[in-house]
Amino acid sequence: MPNLELKDHVAIITGAGRMRGIGRASANVLAKMGANIIVTGTGRNPKTYPEDEQIAEWKDIESTAKEIQNSGHSALPIVVDVTNPDSVNNMINKTLEAFGRIDVLVNNAAAPYGPDRVPVLELDDKVFQKTLMVKVFGTYLCAKAAATQMVKQGNGGRIINLSSSAGKRGDANMAAYNAANFAVDGFTQAMAKELAKENITVNAVCPGLTETARMDPMGRGEKWLNRVAEIPMGRVAKDEEIANLIGFLSSPRASYITGQAININGGYLTAR
């Protein structure tokens, strides 16, 4: 029997256009739980797609939505700039036009990996700003807009913010990403306390190294293998493993969990 804990619920997942990614995996998990899905992305230029997406003729959020629709569930793709208030409000309005409500928000959008991973003294100011704009300001805008609608509905809700192990421990050459994820964890705690009386839970999911297209710029050579060697379980996470935790936090089973930043990293980081 399928698990339809989220039947007739409506879930928005930002940053869900990658063929290998936590956003797409989460959209599929929530759809299988019965939710109607809003899939958002930035409308990437197809010329920037990784080779496997080009070979598969992947079409970003359109393909994620089609995949969900082909499995018998409802999905609507929307191009969204999470750093633009008008774009976020348009996302909310289109969601309400299509499905009439919002029950779950998964804030997964993030700036690309790569140019931010340098020493602070070499870090471009605009790269630092963009990293925080997408991860922090984007999370703020989407969470605020979705929570406003959830409060109006009066039936509670779930907000899941994607953070990282990098939100728990600072590392060299990661200052921008560390700053962004530490901020997401703090924002999650504050919003959880504010919305608890509305029966809206707010949690952060903090993955460690995960096999996604986002990590392709790192390569799969010595640097990658050194990182894997630090993981007690001896492997990286699969995107669906992160998505399964997001599915749980979206469900009634997680009704008393709020304000948490939950590690999922194979034992790499166990503190905080």
C-alpha atoms as a PDB file:
ATOM      1  CA  MET A   1       0.000   0.000   0.000  1.00  0.00           C
ATOM      2  CA  PRO A   2       1.355   3.483  -0.857  1.00  0.00           C
ATOM      3  CA  ASN A   3       2.032   5.864   1.997  1.00  0.00           C
ATOM      4  CA  LEU A   4      -0.347   8.776   1.376  1.00  0.00           C
ATOM      5  CA  GLU A   5       0.285  10.772   4.553  1.00  0.00           C
ATOM      6  CA  LEU A   6       0.327  13.973   2.502  1.00  0.00           C
ATOM      7  CA  LYS A   7      -2.753  13.277   0.373  1.00  0.00           C
ATOM      8  CA  ASP A   8      -4.307  16.575  -0.775  1.00  0.00           C
ATOM      9  CA  HIS A   9      -1.414  18.542   0.728  1.00  0.00           C
ATOM     10  CA  VAL A  10       0.537  21.022  -1.382  1.00  0.00           C
ATOM     11  CA  ALA A  11       4.342  21.194  -1.247  1.00  0.00           C
ATOM     12  CA  ILE A  12       6.723  23.730  -2.766  1.00  0.00           C
ATOM     13  CA  ILE A  13      10.293  22.577  -3.401  1.00  0.00           C
ATOM     14  CA  THR A  14      12.799  25.216  -4.519  1.00  0.00           C
ATOM     15  CA  GLY A  15      15.885  24.360  -6.532  1.00  0.00           C
ATOM     16  CA  ALA A  16      14.419  21.114  -7.860  1.00  0.00           C
ATOM     17  CA  GLY A  17      15.532  21.120 -11.493  1.00  0.00           C
ATOM     18  CA  ARG A  18      18.715  19.040 -11.337  1.00  0.00           C
ATOM     19  CA  MET A  19      18.523  15.430 -12.521  1.00  0.00           C
ATOM     20  CA  ARG A  20      20.888  14.471  -9.690  1.00  0.00           C
ATOM     21  CA  GLY A  21      19.833  16.576  -6.729  1.00  0.00           C
ATOM     22  CA  ILE A  22      18.140  16.756  -3.368  1.00  0.00           C
ATOM     23  CA  GLY A  23      15.386  18.984  -4.775  1.00  0.00           C
ATOM     24  CA  ARG A  24      14.262  16.536  -7.447  1.00  0.00           C
ATOM     25  CA  ALA A  25      14.541  13.588  -5.038  1.00  0.00           C
ATOM     26  CA  SER A  26      12.462  15.445  -2.437  1.00  0.00           C
ATOM     27  CA  ALA A  27       9.807  16.357  -4.989  1.00  0.00           C
ATOM     28  CA  ASN A  28       9.448  12.687  -5.911  1.00  0.00           C
ATOM     29  CA  VAL A  29       9.308  11.511  -2.291  1.00  0.00           C
ATOM     30  CA  LEU A  30       6.616  14.036  -1.347  1.00  0.00           C
ATOM     31  CA  ALA A  31       4.637  13.214  -4.491  1.00  0.00           C
ATOM     32  CA  LYS A  32       4.684   9.526  -3.582  1.00  0.00           C
ATOM     33  CA  MET A  33       3.331  10.527  -0.167  1.00  0.00           C
ATOM     34  CA  GLY A  34       0.346  12.057  -1.958  1.00  0.00           C
ATOM     35  CA  ALA A  35       1.262  15.755  -2.128  1.00  0.00           C
ATOM     36  CA  ASN A  36       0.643  18.048  -5.067  1.00  0.00           C
ATOM     37  CA  ILE A  37       4.047  19.462  -5.984  1.00  0.00           C
ATOM     38  CA  ILE A  38       5.319  22.880  -7.023  1.00  0.00           C
ATOM     39  CA  VAL A  39       8.768  22.480  -8.584  1.00  0.00           C
ATOM     40  CA  THR A  40      10.885  25.622  -8.845  1.00  0.00           C
ATOM     41  CA  GLY A  41      14.208  26.485 -10.430  1.00  0.00           C
ATOM     42  CA  THR A  42      16.028  29.387 -12.006  1.00  0.00           C
ATOM     43  CA  GLY A  43      15.475  28.455 -15.652  1.00  0.00           C
ATOM     44  CA  ARG A  44      19.077  27.358 -16.238  1.00  0.00           C
ATOM     45  CA  ASN A  45      20.651  27.757 -19.646  1.00  0.00           C
ATOM     46  CA  PRO A  46      20.697  24.241 -21.212  1.00  0.00           C
ATOM     47  CA  LYS A  47      24.285  24.881 -22.352  1.00  0.00           C
ATOM     48  CA  THR A  48      25.307  24.767 -18.677  1.00  0.00           C
ATOM     49  CA  TYR A  49      23.732  21.358 -18.039  1.00  0.00           C
ATOM     50  CA  PRO A  50      26.118  18.542 -17.046  1.00  0.00           C
ATOM     51  CA  GLU A  51      26.800  15.885 -19.668  1.00  0.00           C
ATOM     52  CA  ASP A  52      24.421  13.293 -18.222  1.00  0.00           C
ATOM     53  CA  GLU A  53      21.523  15.770 -18.337  1.00  0.00           C
ATOM     54  CA  GLN A  54      22.289  16.671 -21.935  1.00  0.00           C
ATOM     55  CA  ILE A  55      22.449  13.016 -22.956  1.00  0.00           C
ATOM     56  CA  ALA A  56      19.121  12.368 -21.211  1.00  0.00           C
ATOM     57  CA  GLU A  57      17.637  15.494 -22.858  1.00  0.00           C
ATOM     58  CA  TRP A  58      16.778  16.708 -19.378  1.00  0.00           C
ATOM     59  CA  LYS A  59      14.756  19.925 -19.270  1.00  0.00           C
ATOM     60  CA  ASP A  60      15.301  21.160 -15.714  1.00  0.00           C
ATOM     61  CA  ILE A  61      12.103  21.737 -13.702  1.00  0.00           C
ATOM     62  CA  GLU A  62       9.971  20.729 -16.671  1.00  0.00           C
ATOM     63  CA  SER A  63      11.497  17.250 -16.550  1.00  0.00           C
ATOM     64  CA  THR A  64      11.127  16.959 -12.773  1.00  0.00           C
ATOM     65  CA  ALA A  65       7.465  17.936 -13.045  1.00  0.00           C
ATOM     66  CA  LYS A  66       6.911  15.551 -15.969  1.00  0.00           C
ATOM     67  CA  GLU A  67       8.465  12.709 -14.019  1.00  0.00           C
ATOM     68  CA  ILE A  68       6.033  13.315 -11.161  1.00  0.00           C
ATOM     69  CA  GLN A  69       3.079  13.629 -13.525  1.00  0.00           C
ATOM     70  CA  ASN A  70       4.028  10.382 -15.262  1.00  0.00           C
ATOM     71  CA  SER A  71       3.892   8.638 -11.889  1.00  0.00           C
ATOM     72  CA  GLY A  72       0.259   9.714 -11.527  1.00  0.00           C
ATOM     73  CA  HIS A  73       0.707  12.760  -9.321  1.00  0.00           C
ATOM     74  CA  SER A  74       0.207  16.501  -9.823  1.00  0.00           C
ATOM     75  CA  ALA A  75       3.143  18.831 -10.373  1.00  0.00           C
ATOM     76  CA  LEU A  76       3.552  22.401 -11.583  1.00  0.00           C
ATOM     77  CA  PRO A  77       6.946  23.848 -12.632  1.00  0.00           C
ATOM     78  CA  ILE A  78       7.576  27.546 -11.935  1.00  0.00           C
ATOM     79  CA  VAL A  79      10.705  29.560 -12.709  1.00  0.00           C
ATOM     80  CA  VAL A  80      11.550  31.476  -9.530  1.00  0.00           C
ATOM     81  CA  ASP A  81      14.334  33.796  -8.398  1.00  0.00           C
ATOM     82  CA  VAL A  82      14.238  33.202  -4.638  1.00  0.00           C
ATOM     83  CA  THR A  83      16.149  36.446  -4.014  1.00  0.00           C
ATOM     84  CA  ASN A  84      13.437  38.543  -5.697  1.00  0.00           C
ATOM     85  CA  PRO A  85      10.355  39.332  -3.556  1.00  0.00           C
ATOM     86  CA  ASP A  86       8.123  39.777  -6.618  1.00  0.00           C
ATOM     87  CA  SER A  87       9.212  36.421  -8.017  1.00  0.00           C
ATOM     88  CA  VAL A  88       8.568  34.700  -4.681  1.00  0.00           C
ATOM     89  CA  ASN A  89       5.140  36.305  -4.395  1.00  0.00           C
ATOM     90  CA  ASN A  90       4.378  35.147  -7.935  1.00  0.00           C
ATOM     91  CA  MET A  91       5.313  31.606  -6.860  1.00  0.00           C
ATOM     92  CA  ILE A  92       2.877  31.801  -3.953  1.00  0.00           C
ATOM     93  CA  ASN A  93       0.087  33.210  -6.118  1.00  0.00           C
ATOM     94  CA  LYS A  94       0.536  30.577  -8.836  1.00  0.00           C
ATOM     95  CA  THR A  95       0.535  27.846  -6.200  1.00  0.00           C
ATOM     96  CA  LEU A  96      -2.732  29.114  -4.766  1.00  0.00           C
ATOM     97  CA  GLU A  97      -4.265  29.461  -8.219  1.00  0.00           C
ATOM     98  CA  ALA A  98      -3.373  25.867  -9.056  1.00  0.00           C
ATOM     99  CA  PHE A  99      -4.000  24.098  -5.755  1.00  0.00           C
ATOM    100  CA  GLY A 100      -5.618  26.560  -3.340  1.00  0.00           C
ATOM    101  CA  ARG A 101      -3.290  26.080  -0.384  1.00  0.00           C
ATOM    102  CA  ILE A 102       0.293  25.562   0.851  1.00  0.00           C
ATOM    103  CA  ASP A 103       1.187  22.929   3.441  1.00  0.00           C
ATOM    104  CA  VAL A 104       4.904  22.232   2.986  1.00  0.00           C
ATOM    105  CA  LEU A 105       7.853  24.358   1.906  1.00  0.00           C
ATOM    106  CA  VAL A 106      11.270  22.853   1.215  1.00  0.00           C
ATOM    107  CA  ASN A 107      13.882  25.608   0.878  1.00  0.00           C
ATOM    108  CA  ASN A 108      16.505  23.812  -1.203  1.00  0.00           C
ATOM    109  CA  ALA A 109      17.812  26.548  -3.528  1.00  0.00           C
ATOM    110  CA  ALA A 110      21.505  27.423  -3.170  1.00  0.00           C
ATOM    111  CA  ALA A 111      24.226  29.241  -5.110  1.00  0.00           C
ATOM    112  CA  PRO A 112      26.568  27.088  -7.226  1.00  0.00           C
ATOM    113  CA  TYR A 113      29.486  25.313  -5.605  1.00  0.00           C
ATOM    114  CA  GLY A 114      32.923  26.477  -6.674  1.00  0.00           C
ATOM    115  CA  PRO A 115      33.906  30.157  -6.709  1.00  0.00           C
ATOM    116  CA  ASP A 116      33.030  30.479  -3.018  1.00  0.00           C
ATOM    117  CA  ARG A 117      35.492  27.750  -1.973  1.00  0.00           C
ATOM    118  CA  VAL A 118      38.609  29.888  -1.654  1.00  0.00           C
ATOM    119  CA  PRO A 119      40.432  31.585   1.250  1.00  0.00           C
ATOM    120  CA  VAL A 120      38.716  34.685   2.630  1.00  0.00           C
ATOM    121  CA  LEU A 121      41.550  36.912   1.406  1.00  0.00           C
ATOM    122  CA  GLU A 122      40.892  35.696  -2.144  1.00  0.00           C
ATOM    123  CA  LEU A 123      37.092  35.617  -1.924  1.00  0.00           C
ATOM    124  CA  ASP A 124      35.297  37.899  -4.363  1.00  0.00           C
ATOM    125  CA  ASP A 125      32.855  40.186  -2.549  1.00  0.00           C
ATOM    126  CA  LYS A 126      30.124  39.515  -5.093  1.00  0.00           C
ATOM    127  CA  VAL A 127      30.507  35.752  -4.700  1.00  0.00           C
ATOM    128  CA  PHE A 128      30.194  36.087  -0.929  1.00  0.00           C
ATOM    129  CA  GLN A 129      27.120  38.268  -1.352  1.00  0.00           C
ATOM    130  CA  LYS A 130      25.472  35.910  -3.848  1.00  0.00           C
ATOM    131  CA  THR A 131      26.076  32.875  -1.637  1.00  0.00           C
ATOM    132  CA  LEU A 132      24.275  34.571   1.251  1.00  0.00           C
ATOM    133  CA  MET A 133      21.581  36.127  -0.934  1.00  0.00           C
ATOM    134  CA  VAL A 134      20.422  32.804  -2.338  1.00  0.00           C
ATOM    135  CA  LYS A 135      20.829  30.687   0.775  1.00  0.00           C
ATOM    136  CA  VAL A 136      19.840  33.140   3.496  1.00  0.00           C
ATOM    137  CA  PHE A 137      17.735  35.887   1.924  1.00  0.00           C
ATOM    138  CA  GLY A 138      16.075  33.366  -0.393  1.00  0.00           C
ATOM    139  CA  THR A 139      15.211  31.086   2.509  1.00  0.00           C
ATOM    140  CA  TYR A 140      13.869  34.083   4.432  1.00  0.00           C
ATOM    141  CA  LEU A 141      11.677  35.331   1.573  1.00  0.00           C
ATOM    142  CA  CYS A 142      10.207  31.933   0.742  1.00  0.00           C
ATOM    143  CA  ALA A 143       9.661  30.941   4.368  1.00  0.00           C
ATOM    144  CA  LYS A 144       8.026  34.260   5.221  1.00  0.00           C
ATOM    145  CA  ALA A 145       5.693  34.123   2.212  1.00  0.00           C
ATOM    146  CA  ALA A 146       4.717  30.481   2.724  1.00  0.00           C
ATOM    147  CA  ALA A 147       4.245  30.882   6.482  1.00  0.00           C
ATOM    148  CA  THR A 148       1.985  33.900   5.934  1.00  0.00           C
ATOM    149  CA  GLN A 149      -0.314  31.703   3.845  1.00  0.00           C
ATOM    150  CA  MET A 150      -0.112  28.798   6.303  1.00  0.00           C
ATOM    151  CA  VAL A 151      -1.177  31.074   9.158  1.00  0.00           C
ATOM    152  CA  LYS A 152      -4.147  32.298   7.088  1.00  0.00           C
ATOM    153  CA  GLN A 153      -5.202  28.715   6.441  1.00  0.00           C
ATOM    154  CA  GLY A 154      -5.085  27.916  10.149  1.00  0.00           C
ATOM    155  CA  ASN A 155      -4.147  24.249   9.700  1.00  0.00           C
ATOM    156  CA  GLY A 156      -0.458  24.347  10.548  1.00  0.00           C
ATOM    157  CA  GLY A 157       2.307  23.464   8.139  1.00  0.00           C
ATOM    158  CA  ARG A 158       5.872  22.327   7.606  1.00  0.00           C
ATOM    159  CA  ILE A 159       8.909  24.379   6.609  1.00  0.00           C
ATOM    160  CA  ILE A 160      12.152  22.511   5.940  1.00  0.00           C
ATOM    161  CA  ASN A 161      15.278  24.569   5.271  1.00  0.00           C
ATOM    162  CA  LEU A 162      18.274  22.884   3.646  1.00  0.00           C
ATOM    163  CA  SER A 163      21.408  23.660   5.617  1.00  0.00           C
ATOM    164  CA  SER A 164      24.596  21.588   5.748  1.00  0.00           C
ATOM    165  CA  SER A 165      27.283  20.137   7.947  1.00  0.00           C
ATOM    166  CA  ALA A 166      28.922  23.433   6.997  1.00  0.00           C
ATOM    167  CA  GLY A 167      26.337  25.105   9.209  1.00  0.00           C
ATOM    168  CA  LYS A 168      27.744  23.268  12.220  1.00  0.00           C
ATOM    169  CA  ARG A 169      31.499  23.666  11.794  1.00  0.00           C
ATOM    170  CA  GLY A 170      33.677  26.222  10.048  1.00  0.00           C
ATOM    171  CA  ASP A 171      36.349  25.026   7.634  1.00  0.00           C
ATOM    172  CA  ALA A 172      39.102  26.728   5.657  1.00  0.00           C
ATOM    173  CA  ASN A 173      38.122  27.943   2.191  1.00  0.00           C
ATOM    174  CA  MET A 174      34.418  27.732   3.043  1.00  0.00           C
ATOM    175  CA  ALA A 175      33.746  31.042   4.793  1.00  0.00           C
ATOM    176  CA  ALA A 176      30.864  32.134   2.552  1.00  0.00           C
ATOM    177  CA  TYR A 177      29.148  28.749   2.642  1.00  0.00           C
ATOM    178  CA  ASN A 178      29.753  28.415   6.392  1.00  0.00           C
ATOM    179  CA  ALA A 179      28.295  31.860   7.037  1.00  0.00           C
ATOM    180  CA  ALA A 180      25.217  31.108   4.930  1.00  0.00           C
ATOM    181  CA  ASN A 181      24.444  27.791   6.584  1.00  0.00           C
ATOM    182  CA  PHE A 182      25.115  28.975  10.139  1.00  0.00           C
ATOM    183  CA  ALA A 183      22.613  31.742   9.371  1.00  0.00           C
ATOM    184  CA  VAL A 184      20.029  29.265   8.062  1.00  0.00           C
ATOM    185  CA  ASP A 185      20.287  27.245  11.278  1.00  0.00           C
ATOM    186  CA  GLY A 186      19.783  30.342  13.434  1.00  0.00           C
ATOM    187  CA  PHE A 187      16.904  31.580  11.290  1.00  0.00           C
ATOM    188  CA  THR A 188      15.289  28.150  11.573  1.00  0.00           C
ATOM    189  CA  GLN A 189      15.445  28.226  15.367  1.00  0.00           C
ATOM    190  CA  ALA A 190      13.981  31.733  15.582  1.00  0.00           C
ATOM    191  CA  MET A 191      11.144  31.073  13.144  1.00  0.00           C
ATOM    192  CA  ALA A 192      10.305  27.761  14.817  1.00  0.00           C
ATOM    193  CA  LYS A 193       9.711  29.525  18.131  1.00  0.00           C
ATOM    194  CA  GLU A 194       7.612  32.224  16.492  1.00  0.00           C
ATOM    195  CA  LEU A 195       5.385  29.796  14.587  1.00  0.00           C
ATOM    196  CA  ALA A 196       5.031  27.014  17.153  1.00  0.00           C
ATOM    197  CA  LYS A 197       1.718  28.418  18.378  1.00  0.00           C
ATOM    198  CA  GLU A 198       0.415  28.195  14.801  1.00  0.00           C
ATOM    199  CA  ASN A 199       1.279  24.478  14.626  1.00  0.00           C
ATOM    200  CA  ILE A 200       3.834  25.225  11.918  1.00  0.00           C
ATOM    201  CA  THR A 201       7.089  23.338  12.396  1.00  0.00           C
ATOM    202  CA  VAL A 202      10.353  24.741  11.079  1.00  0.00           C
ATOM    203  CA  ASN A 203      13.406  22.506  10.834  1.00  0.00           C
ATOM    204  CA  ALA A 204      16.732  22.438   9.029  1.00  0.00           C
ATOM    205  CA  VAL A 205      18.232  19.388   7.343  1.00  0.00           C
ATOM    206  CA  CYS A 206      22.031  19.335   7.405  1.00  0.00           C
ATOM    207  CA  PRO A 207      23.512  16.898   4.890  1.00  0.00           C
ATOM    208  CA  GLY A 208      27.152  16.052   4.622  1.00  0.00           C
ATOM    209  CA  LEU A 209      28.776  15.192   1.310  1.00  0.00           C
ATOM    210  CA  THR A 210      26.033  14.011  -1.071  1.00  0.00           C
ATOM    211  CA  GLU A 211      26.275  12.578  -4.581  1.00  0.00           C
ATOM    212  CA  THR A 212      24.591  15.317  -6.624  1.00  0.00           C
ATOM    213  CA  ALA A 213      25.350  17.367  -9.721  1.00  0.00           C
ATOM    214  CA  ARG A 214      26.042  20.316  -7.435  1.00  0.00           C
ATOM    215  CA  MET A 215      29.260  18.593  -6.337  1.00  0.00           C
ATOM    216  CA  ASP A 216      30.554  17.981  -9.884  1.00  0.00           C
ATOM    217  CA  PRO A 217      32.951  20.980  -9.799  1.00  0.00           C
ATOM    218  CA  MET A 218      34.820  19.214  -6.982  1.00  0.00           C
ATOM    219  CA  GLY A 219      35.438  16.275  -9.304  1.00  0.00           C
ATOM    220  CA  ARG A 220      35.603  12.684  -8.130  1.00  0.00           C
ATOM    221  CA  GLY A 221      39.350  12.505  -7.747  1.00  0.00           C
ATOM    222  CA  GLU A 222      41.739  12.892  -4.819  1.00  0.00           C
ATOM    223  CA  LYS A 223      39.869  15.742  -3.112  1.00  0.00           C
ATOM    224  CA  TRP A 224      36.597  13.814  -3.272  1.00  0.00           C
ATOM    225  CA  LEU A 225      38.187  10.581  -2.038  1.00  0.00           C
ATOM    226  CA  ASN A 226      39.853  12.393   0.866  1.00  0.00           C
ATOM    227  CA  ARG A 227      36.479  13.742   1.932  1.00  0.00           C
ATOM    228  CA  VAL A 228      34.891  10.304   1.664  1.00  0.00           C
ATOM    229  CA  ALA A 229      37.689   8.868   3.807  1.00  0.00           C
ATOM    230  CA  GLU A 230      36.589  11.163   6.653  1.00  0.00           C
ATOM    231  CA  ILE A 231      33.078   9.668   6.693  1.00  0.00           C
ATOM    232  CA  PRO A 232      32.760   6.777   9.193  1.00  0.00           C
ATOM    233  CA  MET A 233      30.261   4.942   6.981  1.00  0.00           C
ATOM    234  CA  GLY A 234      32.784   5.057   4.134  1.00  0.00           C
ATOM    235  CA  ARG A 235      30.499   6.549   1.486  1.00  0.00           C
ATOM    236  CA  VAL A 236      28.636   9.710   0.566  1.00  0.00           C
ATOM    237  CA  ALA A 237      24.877  10.162   0.879  1.00  0.00           C
ATOM    238  CA  LYS A 238      22.446   9.460  -1.925  1.00  0.00           C
ATOM    239  CA  ASP A 239      20.065  12.303  -2.727  1.00  0.00           C
ATOM    240  CA  GLU A 240      17.059  10.076  -1.959  1.00  0.00           C
ATOM    241  CA  GLU A 241      18.405   9.438   1.550  1.00  0.00           C
ATOM    242  CA  ILE A 242      18.267  13.177   2.260  1.00  0.00           C
ATOM    243  CA  ALA A 243      14.843  13.312   0.607  1.00  0.00           C
ATOM    244  CA  ASN A 244      13.509  10.566   2.874  1.00  0.00           C
ATOM    245  CA  LEU A 245      14.377  12.652   5.940  1.00  0.00           C
ATOM    246  CA  ILE A 246      12.636  15.630   4.347  1.00  0.00           C
ATOM    247  CA  GLY A 247       9.605  13.427   3.704  1.00  0.00           C
ATOM    248  CA  PHE A 248       9.517  12.395   7.353  1.00  0.00           C
ATOM    249  CA  LEU A 249       9.766  15.996   8.578  1.00  0.00           C
ATOM    250  CA  SER A 250       6.898  16.902   6.217  1.00  0.00           C
ATOM    251  CA  SER A 251       4.664  14.198   7.650  1.00  0.00           C
ATOM    252  CA  PRO A 252       2.320  14.022  10.661  1.00  0.00           C
ATOM    253  CA  ARG A 253       4.877  11.721  12.318  1.00  0.00           C
ATOM    254  CA  ALA A 254       7.140  14.753  12.841  1.00  0.00           C
ATOM    255  CA  SER A 255       4.444  16.936  14.425  1.00  0.00           C
ATOM    256  CA  TYR A 256       6.428  17.521  17.647  1.00  0.00           C
ATOM    257  CA  ILE A 257       9.810  18.180  16.022  1.00  0.00           C
ATOM    258  CA  THR A 258      10.611  21.842  15.465  1.00  0.00           C
ATOM    259  CA  GLY A 259      13.565  24.194  15.673  1.00  0.00           C
ATOM    260  CA  GLN A 260      16.047  21.414  14.942  1.00  0.00           C
ATOM    261  CA  ALA A 261      19.050  21.292  12.614  1.00  0.00           C
ATOM    262  CA  ILE A 262      19.287  17.580  11.921  1.00  0.00           C
ATOM    263  CA  ASN A 263      22.558  16.012  10.801  1.00  0.00           C
ATOM    264  CA  ILE A 264      22.510  13.386   8.049  1.00  0.00           C
ATOM    265  CA  ASN A 265      26.131  12.721   7.163  1.00  0.00           C
ATOM    266  CA  GLY A 266      27.115   9.105   7.776  1.00  0.00           C
ATOM    267  CA  GLY A 267      28.699  10.000  11.108  1.00  0.00           C
ATOM    268  CA  TYR A 268      31.030  12.665   9.708  1.00  0.00           C
ATOM    269  CA  LEU A 269      29.799  15.233  12.212  1.00  0.00           C
ATOM    270  CA  THR A 270      27.977  14.205  15.378  1.00  0.00           C
ATOM    271  CA  ALA A 271      28.114  17.364  17.513  1.00  0.00           C
ATOM    272  CA  ARG A 272      25.427  20.049  17.789  1.00  0.00           C
END
